[in-house]
């Protein structure tokens, strides 16, 4: 029931738009950082031809919805690298804020709970899920690339301003979120 949504969430718009980018969904915030609604991109529907493709996209949209719902309370960053900017620096600037680590972890927790019900998070099993089409390179960076201590050490050496490995944050949040996807619970993103 919309009346049960917290103040500031109820009544915010949900839009379905044909946008030029490849994003599936986006949570919007106003100039004061307050949640201002969701936008779902319908562009990908134009290229879907089979029931299987539609099912895969709807599944991916479900994961994106959980990701964006996390951003209601924990806004993230835009991945918008400047021309000529080092791609590793761009990725680290995008992945390091808590909002992005939480949102990407929420998607992993949802997928992991579906694939391995009532099981604690096992990184190797989580990494196997990364082949699913709804996961992107950012997910692979959180749960695979930055899981390699040598890769993290080389990033820290080149960019000492990053003192916390986003992989460690992501795993912590997956473990926090998994119980919310158990058999007798409903996922409540946010706080």
N, C-alpha and C. Protein backbone atom coordinates (compact mmCIF):
# COMPACT_ATOMS: atom_id res chain seq x y z
N UNK A 1 0.83 -1.18 0.00
CA UNK A 1 0.00 0.00 0.00
C UNK A 1 0.88 1.26 0.00
N UNK A 2 0.64 2.16 -0.92
CA UNK A 2 1.43 3.40 -0.93
C UNK A 2 1.37 4.18 0.37
N UNK A 3 0.27 4.10 1.11
CA UNK A 3 0.17 4.83 2.38
C UNK A 3 1.16 4.29 3.41
N UNK A 4 1.67 3.09 3.18
CA UNK A 4 2.63 2.49 4.11
C UNK A 4 4.06 2.89 3.82
N UNK A 5 4.29 3.55 2.69
CA UNK A 5 5.64 3.99 2.37
C UNK A 5 6.04 5.13 3.31
N UNK A 6 7.32 5.21 3.62
CA UNK A 6 7.78 6.31 4.48
C UNK A 6 7.53 7.67 3.83
N UNK A 7 7.40 8.68 4.70
CA UNK A 7 7.22 10.03 4.20
C UNK A 7 8.41 10.39 3.30
N UNK A 8 8.12 11.04 2.19
CA UNK A 8 9.15 11.40 1.25
C UNK A 8 9.32 10.37 0.14
N UNK A 9 8.77 9.18 0.33
CA UNK A 9 8.84 8.13 -0.68
C UNK A 9 7.48 8.02 -1.38
N UNK A 10 6.43 7.98 -0.57
CA UNK A 10 5.09 7.87 -1.13
C UNK A 10 4.81 9.06 -2.05
N UNK A 11 4.20 8.77 -3.17
CA UNK A 11 3.79 9.83 -4.09
C UNK A 11 4.86 10.30 -5.05
N UNK A 12 6.07 9.76 -4.94
CA UNK A 12 7.12 10.17 -5.89
C UNK A 12 6.85 9.49 -7.23
N UNK A 13 7.16 10.15 -8.32
CA UNK A 13 6.81 9.61 -9.63
C UNK A 13 7.65 8.40 -10.04
N UNK A 14 7.01 7.53 -10.78
CA UNK A 14 7.68 6.42 -11.44
C UNK A 14 7.40 6.63 -12.92
N UNK A 15 8.49 6.81 -13.67
CA UNK A 15 8.36 7.12 -15.09
C UNK A 15 8.93 5.99 -15.93
N UNK A 16 8.32 5.79 -17.08
CA UNK A 16 8.84 4.86 -18.08
C UNK A 16 9.15 5.71 -19.30
N UNK A 17 10.44 5.80 -19.64
CA UNK A 17 10.87 6.68 -20.73
C UNK A 17 11.72 5.92 -21.73
N UNK A 18 11.72 6.43 -22.94
CA UNK A 18 12.63 5.96 -23.96
C UNK A 18 13.84 6.88 -23.90
N UNK A 19 14.92 6.39 -23.30
CA UNK A 19 16.12 7.23 -23.17
C UNK A 19 17.21 6.70 -24.08
N UNK A 20 18.18 7.54 -24.36
CA UNK A 20 19.22 7.17 -25.33
C UNK A 20 20.30 6.27 -24.75
N UNK A 21 20.44 6.21 -23.43
CA UNK A 21 21.50 5.38 -22.86
C UNK A 21 21.03 3.94 -22.68
N UNK A 22 21.91 3.10 -22.19
CA UNK A 22 21.59 1.69 -22.01
C UNK A 22 21.19 1.35 -20.58
N UNK A 23 21.01 2.34 -19.74
CA UNK A 23 20.64 2.06 -18.35
C UNK A 23 19.24 1.45 -18.30
N UNK A 24 19.02 0.63 -17.29
CA UNK A 24 17.70 0.03 -17.13
C UNK A 24 16.80 0.89 -16.25
N UNK A 25 17.38 1.45 -15.19
CA UNK A 25 16.58 2.21 -14.23
C UNK A 25 17.47 3.22 -13.53
N UNK A 26 16.82 4.23 -12.95
CA UNK A 26 17.57 5.25 -12.23
C UNK A 26 16.68 5.84 -11.14
N UNK A 27 17.28 5.98 -9.95
CA UNK A 27 16.62 6.70 -8.86
C UNK A 27 17.06 8.15 -8.94
N UNK A 28 16.10 9.05 -8.87
CA UNK A 28 16.42 10.48 -8.95
C UNK A 28 16.35 11.11 -7.57
N UNK A 29 17.17 12.14 -7.37
CA UNK A 29 17.17 12.92 -6.14
C UNK A 29 17.14 14.39 -6.51
N UNK A 30 16.50 15.19 -5.67
CA UNK A 30 16.44 16.63 -5.95
C UNK A 30 17.72 17.31 -5.48
N UNK A 31 17.78 18.62 -5.59
CA UNK A 31 18.97 19.37 -5.22
C UNK A 31 19.34 19.27 -3.76
N UNK A 32 18.39 18.85 -2.92
CA UNK A 32 18.65 18.69 -1.48
C UNK A 32 18.99 17.25 -1.13
N UNK A 33 19.11 16.39 -2.14
CA UNK A 33 19.43 14.99 -1.89
C UNK A 33 18.25 14.14 -1.50
N UNK A 34 17.03 14.68 -1.63
CA UNK A 34 15.83 13.93 -1.28
C UNK A 34 15.36 13.12 -2.49
N UNK A 35 14.89 11.91 -2.23
CA UNK A 35 14.39 11.03 -3.28
C UNK A 35 13.30 11.73 -4.08
N UNK A 36 13.40 11.64 -5.42
CA UNK A 36 12.44 12.32 -6.29
C UNK A 36 11.85 11.39 -7.34
N UNK A 37 11.93 10.08 -7.15
CA UNK A 37 11.27 9.14 -8.04
C UNK A 37 12.22 8.25 -8.82
N UNK A 38 11.61 7.39 -9.63
CA UNK A 38 12.35 6.44 -10.46
C UNK A 38 12.06 6.69 -11.92
N UNK A 39 13.03 6.36 -12.75
CA UNK A 39 12.82 6.34 -14.20
C UNK A 39 13.28 4.98 -14.70
N UNK A 40 12.42 4.32 -15.46
CA UNK A 40 12.76 3.05 -16.09
C UNK A 40 12.88 3.27 -17.59
N UNK A 41 13.95 2.77 -18.16
CA UNK A 41 14.24 2.95 -19.58
C UNK A 41 13.55 1.84 -20.37
N UNK A 42 12.71 2.23 -21.32
CA UNK A 42 12.03 1.22 -22.14
C UNK A 42 12.75 0.97 -23.47
N UNK A 43 13.85 1.68 -23.72
CA UNK A 43 14.59 1.49 -24.97
C UNK A 43 14.95 0.04 -25.24
N UNK A 44 15.47 -0.72 -24.25
CA UNK A 44 15.85 -2.10 -24.53
C UNK A 44 14.70 -2.96 -25.04
N UNK A 45 13.46 -2.61 -24.71
CA UNK A 45 12.32 -3.41 -25.18
C UNK A 45 12.21 -3.38 -26.70
N UNK A 46 12.73 -2.35 -27.33
CA UNK A 46 12.65 -2.25 -28.79
C UNK A 46 13.41 -3.35 -29.51
N UNK A 47 14.46 -3.87 -28.88
CA UNK A 47 15.29 -4.87 -29.55
C UNK A 47 14.97 -6.30 -29.12
N UNK A 48 14.04 -6.48 -28.21
CA UNK A 48 13.70 -7.83 -27.75
C UNK A 48 12.76 -8.49 -28.75
N UNK A 49 13.09 -9.71 -29.12
CA UNK A 49 12.32 -10.39 -30.17
C UNK A 49 11.65 -11.68 -29.73
N UNK A 50 12.16 -12.31 -28.69
CA UNK A 50 11.62 -13.61 -28.28
C UNK A 50 11.10 -13.53 -26.85
N UNK A 51 10.22 -14.45 -26.49
CA UNK A 51 9.76 -14.49 -25.09
C UNK A 51 10.91 -14.67 -24.11
N UNK A 52 11.92 -15.43 -24.51
CA UNK A 52 13.07 -15.65 -23.62
C UNK A 52 13.82 -14.35 -23.38
N UNK A 53 13.99 -13.55 -24.44
CA UNK A 53 14.68 -12.26 -24.29
C UNK A 53 13.87 -11.33 -23.39
N UNK A 54 12.57 -11.35 -23.55
CA UNK A 54 11.71 -10.52 -22.70
C UNK A 54 11.82 -10.97 -21.25
N UNK A 55 11.77 -12.28 -21.01
CA UNK A 55 11.91 -12.80 -19.65
C UNK A 55 13.25 -12.40 -19.03
N UNK A 56 14.33 -12.50 -19.81
CA UNK A 56 15.65 -12.12 -19.31
C UNK A 56 15.69 -10.64 -18.96
N UNK A 57 15.08 -9.82 -19.81
CA UNK A 57 15.12 -8.38 -19.53
C UNK A 57 14.27 -8.04 -18.31
N UNK A 58 13.12 -8.66 -18.18
CA UNK A 58 12.27 -8.40 -17.01
C UNK A 58 13.00 -8.84 -15.74
N UNK A 59 13.71 -9.97 -15.80
CA UNK A 59 14.51 -10.42 -14.65
C UNK A 59 15.59 -9.38 -14.33
N UNK A 60 16.27 -8.89 -15.36
CA UNK A 60 17.32 -7.88 -15.17
C UNK A 60 16.71 -6.61 -14.58
N UNK A 61 15.54 -6.24 -15.04
CA UNK A 61 14.86 -5.06 -14.52
C UNK A 61 14.50 -5.23 -13.04
N UNK A 62 14.16 -6.45 -12.67
CA UNK A 62 13.88 -6.74 -11.26
C UNK A 62 15.11 -6.49 -10.40
N UNK A 63 16.27 -6.93 -10.87
CA UNK A 63 17.51 -6.70 -10.13
C UNK A 63 17.82 -5.20 -10.07
N UNK A 64 17.63 -4.52 -11.19
CA UNK A 64 17.89 -3.08 -11.22
C UNK A 64 16.97 -2.33 -10.27
N UNK A 65 15.75 -2.80 -10.14
CA UNK A 65 14.81 -2.15 -9.22
C UNK A 65 15.32 -2.24 -7.79
N UNK A 66 15.84 -3.38 -7.41
CA UNK A 66 16.40 -3.52 -6.06
C UNK A 66 17.62 -2.61 -5.89
N UNK A 67 18.44 -2.53 -6.92
CA UNK A 67 19.61 -1.65 -6.91
C UNK A 67 19.16 -0.20 -6.70
N UNK A 68 18.23 0.24 -7.52
CA UNK A 68 17.80 1.64 -7.45
C UNK A 68 17.01 1.94 -6.17
N UNK A 69 16.27 0.96 -5.67
CA UNK A 69 15.56 1.17 -4.40
C UNK A 69 16.54 1.42 -3.26
N UNK A 70 17.70 0.78 -3.32
CA UNK A 70 18.73 1.05 -2.32
C UNK A 70 19.16 2.52 -2.38
N UNK A 71 19.15 3.07 -3.57
CA UNK A 71 19.56 4.47 -3.74
C UNK A 71 18.55 5.47 -3.18
N UNK A 72 17.35 5.02 -2.83
CA UNK A 72 16.40 5.94 -2.19
C UNK A 72 17.06 6.55 -0.96
N UNK A 73 17.66 5.70 -0.14
CA UNK A 73 18.27 6.15 1.11
C UNK A 73 19.76 6.37 1.01
N UNK A 74 20.38 5.76 0.02
CA UNK A 74 21.83 5.83 -0.13
C UNK A 74 22.18 6.20 -1.56
N UNK A 75 22.08 7.49 -1.88
CA UNK A 75 22.38 7.91 -3.26
C UNK A 75 23.77 7.45 -3.68
N UNK A 76 23.87 7.19 -4.95
CA UNK A 76 25.14 6.74 -5.50
C UNK A 76 25.80 7.83 -6.30
N UNK A 77 26.64 7.41 -7.19
CA UNK A 77 27.37 8.33 -8.05
C UNK A 77 27.01 8.02 -9.49
N UNK A 78 27.27 8.95 -10.38
CA UNK A 78 27.12 8.70 -11.80
C UNK A 78 28.45 8.24 -12.34
N UNK A 79 28.42 7.22 -13.15
CA UNK A 79 29.66 6.80 -13.80
C UNK A 79 29.79 7.63 -15.06
N UNK A 80 30.55 8.68 -14.95
CA UNK A 80 30.66 9.65 -16.04
C UNK A 80 32.11 10.07 -16.17
N UNK A 81 32.96 9.18 -16.72
CA UNK A 81 34.38 9.53 -16.81
C UNK A 81 34.62 10.70 -17.75
N UNK A 82 35.54 11.54 -17.34
CA UNK A 82 35.92 12.66 -18.19
C UNK A 82 36.81 12.17 -19.31
N UNK A 83 36.77 12.86 -20.43
CA UNK A 83 37.59 12.46 -21.57
C UNK A 83 39.06 12.44 -21.17
N UNK A 84 39.72 11.34 -21.47
CA UNK A 84 41.13 11.21 -21.16
C UNK A 84 41.42 10.77 -19.74
N UNK A 85 40.40 10.67 -18.90
CA UNK A 85 40.62 10.26 -17.51
C UNK A 85 40.99 8.77 -17.46
N UNK A 86 41.88 8.44 -16.56
CA UNK A 86 42.29 7.06 -16.36
C UNK A 86 41.05 6.23 -16.02
N UNK A 87 40.75 5.16 -16.77
CA UNK A 87 39.55 4.37 -16.51
C UNK A 87 39.54 3.72 -15.13
N UNK A 88 40.71 3.38 -14.60
CA UNK A 88 40.77 2.79 -13.26
C UNK A 88 40.36 3.84 -12.22
N UNK A 89 40.86 5.05 -12.37
CA UNK A 89 40.47 6.13 -11.45
C UNK A 89 38.98 6.41 -11.54
N UNK A 90 38.44 6.44 -12.76
CA UNK A 90 37.00 6.66 -12.95
C UNK A 90 36.19 5.58 -12.24
N UNK A 91 36.60 4.34 -12.46
CA UNK A 91 35.88 3.22 -11.84
C UNK A 91 35.95 3.28 -10.32
N UNK A 92 37.12 3.58 -9.78
CA UNK A 92 37.26 3.66 -8.33
C UNK A 92 36.45 4.81 -7.75
N UNK A 93 36.42 5.94 -8.43
CA UNK A 93 35.60 7.07 -7.96
C UNK A 93 34.12 6.71 -7.96
N UNK A 94 33.70 5.91 -8.91
CA UNK A 94 32.30 5.47 -8.99
C UNK A 94 31.98 4.40 -7.94
N UNK A 95 32.89 3.45 -7.76
CA UNK A 95 32.60 2.30 -6.92
C UNK A 95 32.84 2.52 -5.43
N UNK A 96 33.60 3.53 -5.06
CA UNK A 96 33.97 3.71 -3.67
C UNK A 96 32.89 4.28 -2.76
N UNK A 97 32.00 5.17 -3.24
CA UNK A 97 30.97 5.67 -2.32
C UNK A 97 30.06 4.55 -1.81
N UNK A 98 29.65 4.70 -0.57
CA UNK A 98 28.83 3.68 0.08
C UNK A 98 27.57 3.36 -0.72
N UNK A 99 26.93 4.37 -1.31
CA UNK A 99 25.68 4.13 -2.04
C UNK A 99 25.83 3.14 -3.17
N UNK A 100 26.91 3.23 -3.93
CA UNK A 100 27.11 2.29 -5.04
C UNK A 100 27.48 0.90 -4.53
N UNK A 101 28.33 0.84 -3.52
CA UNK A 101 28.68 -0.48 -2.96
C UNK A 101 27.43 -1.18 -2.43
N UNK A 102 26.57 -0.44 -1.74
CA UNK A 102 25.35 -1.02 -1.21
C UNK A 102 24.41 -1.47 -2.33
N UNK A 103 24.23 -0.64 -3.34
CA UNK A 103 23.27 -0.95 -4.41
C UNK A 103 23.72 -2.17 -5.22
N UNK A 104 25.00 -2.24 -5.57
CA UNK A 104 25.48 -3.39 -6.33
C UNK A 104 25.45 -4.66 -5.46
N UNK A 105 25.68 -4.50 -4.17
CA UNK A 105 25.61 -5.65 -3.25
C UNK A 105 24.19 -6.15 -3.09
N UNK A 106 23.25 -5.24 -3.13
CA UNK A 106 21.84 -5.65 -3.01
C UNK A 106 21.46 -6.54 -4.19
N UNK A 107 21.91 -6.18 -5.38
CA UNK A 107 21.64 -7.02 -6.54
C UNK A 107 22.25 -8.41 -6.37
N UNK A 108 23.49 -8.45 -5.90
CA UNK A 108 24.15 -9.75 -5.68
C UNK A 108 23.40 -10.55 -4.62
N UNK A 109 22.98 -9.91 -3.55
CA UNK A 109 22.27 -10.62 -2.49
C UNK A 109 20.97 -11.22 -3.03
N UNK A 110 20.25 -10.48 -3.84
CA UNK A 110 18.99 -10.98 -4.42
C UNK A 110 19.28 -12.19 -5.31
N UNK A 111 20.26 -12.08 -6.18
CA UNK A 111 20.61 -13.18 -7.08
C UNK A 111 21.12 -14.39 -6.31
N UNK A 112 21.96 -14.13 -5.32
CA UNK A 112 22.54 -15.23 -4.54
C UNK A 112 21.45 -15.97 -3.77
N UNK A 113 20.54 -15.24 -3.17
CA UNK A 113 19.46 -15.87 -2.41
C UNK A 113 18.57 -16.72 -3.31
N UNK A 114 18.37 -16.28 -4.54
CA UNK A 114 17.57 -17.08 -5.48
C UNK A 114 18.32 -18.34 -5.89
N UNK A 115 19.61 -18.22 -6.15
CA UNK A 115 20.41 -19.35 -6.61
C UNK A 115 20.78 -20.31 -5.49
N UNK A 116 20.98 -19.78 -4.28
CA UNK A 116 21.44 -20.58 -3.14
C UNK A 116 20.60 -20.23 -1.91
N UNK A 117 19.32 -20.60 -1.92
CA UNK A 117 18.44 -20.22 -0.81
C UNK A 117 18.97 -20.66 0.55
N UNK A 118 18.86 -19.75 1.49
CA UNK A 118 19.20 -20.02 2.90
C UNK A 118 20.66 -20.43 3.11
N UNK A 119 21.53 -20.06 2.19
CA UNK A 119 22.95 -20.37 2.35
C UNK A 119 23.72 -19.08 2.61
N UNK A 120 24.75 -19.15 3.45
CA UNK A 120 25.59 -17.97 3.66
C UNK A 120 26.35 -17.65 2.37
N UNK A 121 26.76 -16.41 2.26
CA UNK A 121 27.45 -15.98 1.05
C UNK A 121 28.81 -16.65 0.93
N UNK A 122 29.05 -17.23 -0.22
CA UNK A 122 30.32 -17.84 -0.56
C UNK A 122 30.80 -17.12 -1.81
N UNK A 123 31.95 -16.47 -1.72
CA UNK A 123 32.44 -15.65 -2.83
C UNK A 123 32.55 -16.43 -4.13
N UNK A 124 33.05 -17.66 -4.07
CA UNK A 124 33.21 -18.45 -5.30
C UNK A 124 31.85 -18.70 -5.96
N UNK A 125 30.83 -19.00 -5.17
CA UNK A 125 29.49 -19.20 -5.73
C UNK A 125 28.94 -17.88 -6.28
N UNK A 126 29.21 -16.79 -5.59
CA UNK A 126 28.78 -15.48 -6.08
C UNK A 126 29.45 -15.14 -7.40
N UNK A 127 30.72 -15.45 -7.51
CA UNK A 127 31.45 -15.17 -8.75
C UNK A 127 30.88 -15.96 -9.92
N UNK A 128 30.38 -17.14 -9.68
CA UNK A 128 29.75 -17.92 -10.75
C UNK A 128 28.50 -17.22 -11.29
N UNK A 129 27.82 -16.49 -10.43
CA UNK A 129 26.61 -15.78 -10.86
C UNK A 129 26.91 -14.59 -11.77
N UNK A 130 28.14 -14.10 -11.74
CA UNK A 130 28.50 -12.91 -12.51
C UNK A 130 28.37 -13.10 -14.01
N UNK A 131 28.25 -14.34 -14.48
CA UNK A 131 28.05 -14.60 -15.91
C UNK A 131 26.62 -14.29 -16.35
N UNK A 132 25.70 -14.14 -15.39
CA UNK A 132 24.31 -13.82 -15.74
C UNK A 132 24.25 -12.45 -16.41
N UNK A 133 23.40 -12.30 -17.43
CA UNK A 133 23.40 -11.06 -18.22
C UNK A 133 23.00 -9.80 -17.45
N UNK A 134 22.34 -9.95 -16.30
CA UNK A 134 21.95 -8.73 -15.57
C UNK A 134 23.11 -8.13 -14.78
N UNK A 135 24.22 -8.87 -14.65
CA UNK A 135 25.39 -8.32 -13.99
C UNK A 135 26.28 -7.65 -15.03
N UNK A 136 26.93 -6.56 -14.63
CA UNK A 136 27.78 -5.82 -15.56
C UNK A 136 29.23 -5.80 -15.04
N UNK A 137 30.07 -5.05 -15.73
CA UNK A 137 31.49 -5.00 -15.34
C UNK A 137 31.69 -4.45 -13.94
N UNK A 138 30.83 -3.56 -13.50
CA UNK A 138 30.98 -3.02 -12.15
C UNK A 138 30.80 -4.13 -11.13
N UNK A 139 29.80 -4.98 -11.33
CA UNK A 139 29.61 -6.12 -10.42
C UNK A 139 30.85 -7.02 -10.45
N UNK A 140 31.36 -7.27 -11.64
CA UNK A 140 32.54 -8.13 -11.76
C UNK A 140 33.75 -7.48 -11.07
N UNK A 141 33.85 -6.17 -11.13
CA UNK A 141 34.94 -5.48 -10.43
C UNK A 141 34.81 -5.63 -8.92
N UNK A 142 33.59 -5.44 -8.40
CA UNK A 142 33.38 -5.57 -6.95
C UNK A 142 33.70 -6.98 -6.45
N UNK A 143 33.19 -7.98 -7.16
CA UNK A 143 33.21 -9.34 -6.63
C UNK A 143 34.29 -10.24 -7.22
N UNK A 144 34.98 -9.77 -8.25
CA UNK A 144 36.02 -10.59 -8.84
C UNK A 144 37.35 -9.84 -8.92
N UNK A 145 37.37 -8.76 -9.69
CA UNK A 145 38.61 -8.04 -9.91
C UNK A 145 39.26 -7.56 -8.63
N UNK A 146 38.50 -6.86 -7.81
CA UNK A 146 39.07 -6.31 -6.57
C UNK A 146 39.18 -7.35 -5.46
N UNK A 147 38.70 -8.56 -5.72
CA UNK A 147 38.89 -9.65 -4.76
C UNK A 147 40.33 -10.15 -4.81
N UNK A 148 41.03 -9.81 -5.88
CA UNK A 148 42.43 -10.21 -6.04
C UNK A 148 43.31 -9.24 -5.24
N UNK A 149 43.96 -9.72 -4.18
CA UNK A 149 44.78 -8.83 -3.35
C UNK A 149 45.88 -8.11 -4.13
N UNK A 150 46.44 -8.75 -5.15
CA UNK A 150 47.49 -8.12 -5.94
C UNK A 150 46.93 -6.94 -6.74
N UNK A 151 45.74 -7.11 -7.29
CA UNK A 151 45.12 -6.01 -8.04
C UNK A 151 44.83 -4.84 -7.10
N UNK A 152 44.28 -5.15 -5.94
CA UNK A 152 43.97 -4.08 -4.98
C UNK A 152 45.25 -3.37 -4.54
N UNK A 153 46.31 -4.12 -4.29
CA UNK A 153 47.58 -3.52 -3.88
C UNK A 153 48.12 -2.58 -4.95
N UNK A 154 47.99 -2.97 -6.22
CA UNK A 154 48.49 -2.10 -7.29
C UNK A 154 47.65 -0.84 -7.42
N UNK A 155 46.35 -0.94 -7.19
CA UNK A 155 45.49 0.24 -7.23
C UNK A 155 45.84 1.17 -6.07
N UNK A 156 46.00 0.60 -4.90
CA UNK A 156 46.35 1.42 -3.73
C UNK A 156 47.69 2.10 -3.90
N UNK A 157 48.62 1.43 -4.54
CA UNK A 157 49.93 2.03 -4.75
C UNK A 157 49.83 3.22 -5.70
N UNK A 158 49.03 3.07 -6.75
CA UNK A 158 48.89 4.15 -7.73
C UNK A 158 47.95 5.26 -7.23
N UNK A 159 46.94 4.87 -6.46
CA UNK A 159 45.93 5.82 -5.96
C UNK A 159 45.79 5.66 -4.45
N UNK A 160 46.70 6.22 -3.68
CA UNK A 160 46.68 6.02 -2.22
C UNK A 160 45.47 6.66 -1.53
N UNK A 161 44.73 7.49 -2.24
CA UNK A 161 43.54 8.10 -1.62
C UNK A 161 42.44 7.07 -1.35
N UNK A 162 42.51 5.91 -2.00
CA UNK A 162 41.53 4.85 -1.76
C UNK A 162 42.07 3.92 -0.68
N UNK A 163 41.54 4.07 0.52
CA UNK A 163 42.06 3.30 1.65
C UNK A 163 41.22 2.07 1.96
N UNK A 164 40.00 2.02 1.43
CA UNK A 164 39.12 0.88 1.66
C UNK A 164 38.84 0.20 0.33
N UNK A 165 39.02 -1.11 0.30
CA UNK A 165 38.74 -1.88 -0.90
C UNK A 165 37.23 -2.00 -1.08
N UNK A 166 36.68 -1.51 -2.21
CA UNK A 166 35.24 -1.64 -2.44
C UNK A 166 34.75 -3.09 -2.42
N UNK A 167 35.62 -4.03 -2.74
CA UNK A 167 35.26 -5.45 -2.65
C UNK A 167 34.88 -5.82 -1.21
N UNK A 168 35.68 -5.37 -0.26
CA UNK A 168 35.40 -5.69 1.15
C UNK A 168 34.07 -5.10 1.58
N UNK A 169 33.80 -3.86 1.14
CA UNK A 169 32.51 -3.24 1.44
C UNK A 169 31.37 -4.07 0.85
N UNK A 170 31.52 -4.45 -0.42
CA UNK A 170 30.46 -5.18 -1.12
C UNK A 170 30.15 -6.50 -0.44
N UNK A 171 31.16 -7.25 -0.07
CA UNK A 171 30.94 -8.53 0.60
C UNK A 171 30.24 -8.31 1.94
N UNK A 172 30.67 -7.29 2.66
CA UNK A 172 30.03 -6.97 3.95
C UNK A 172 28.53 -6.70 3.74
N UNK A 173 28.21 -5.92 2.73
CA UNK A 173 26.80 -5.58 2.49
C UNK A 173 26.00 -6.78 2.00
N UNK A 174 26.57 -7.63 1.16
CA UNK A 174 25.85 -8.84 0.73
C UNK A 174 25.47 -9.65 1.96
N UNK A 175 26.41 -9.83 2.88
CA UNK A 175 26.11 -10.59 4.10
C UNK A 175 25.03 -9.90 4.93
N UNK A 176 25.01 -8.59 4.93
CA UNK A 176 23.98 -7.83 5.65
C UNK A 176 22.62 -8.00 5.00
N UNK A 177 22.59 -8.03 3.66
CA UNK A 177 21.31 -8.06 2.94
C UNK A 177 20.72 -9.45 2.77
N UNK A 178 21.55 -10.49 2.75
CA UNK A 178 21.04 -11.83 2.48
C UNK A 178 19.85 -12.23 3.35
N UNK A 179 19.86 -11.98 4.66
CA UNK A 179 18.70 -12.37 5.47
C UNK A 179 17.39 -11.70 5.02
N UNK A 180 17.49 -10.56 4.37
CA UNK A 180 16.29 -9.87 3.90
C UNK A 180 15.64 -10.60 2.73
N UNK A 181 16.37 -11.51 2.11
CA UNK A 181 15.85 -12.26 0.98
C UNK A 181 15.55 -13.70 1.35
N UNK A 182 15.41 -13.96 2.64
CA UNK A 182 15.09 -15.31 3.11
C UNK A 182 13.65 -15.68 2.81
N UNK A 183 13.26 -16.91 3.16
CA UNK A 183 11.94 -17.40 2.78
C UNK A 183 10.77 -16.66 3.44
N UNK A 184 10.97 -16.08 4.60
CA UNK A 184 9.87 -15.42 5.31
C UNK A 184 10.06 -13.93 5.45
N UNK A 185 10.78 -13.35 4.52
CA UNK A 185 11.04 -11.92 4.65
C UNK A 185 10.78 -11.21 3.34
N UNK A 186 10.72 -9.90 3.43
CA UNK A 186 10.63 -9.07 2.24
C UNK A 186 11.82 -8.14 2.27
N UNK A 187 12.41 -7.93 1.13
CA UNK A 187 13.59 -7.04 1.06
C UNK A 187 13.16 -5.61 1.25
N UNK A 188 13.79 -4.94 2.18
CA UNK A 188 13.53 -3.53 2.42
C UNK A 188 14.84 -2.78 2.24
N UNK A 189 15.06 -2.25 1.05
CA UNK A 189 16.31 -1.51 0.83
C UNK A 189 16.42 -0.31 1.74
N UNK A 190 17.63 0.09 1.96
CA UNK A 190 17.83 1.37 2.61
C UNK A 190 18.50 1.31 3.94
N UNK A 191 17.84 1.89 4.89
CA UNK A 191 18.38 2.22 6.20
C UNK A 191 19.10 1.10 6.89
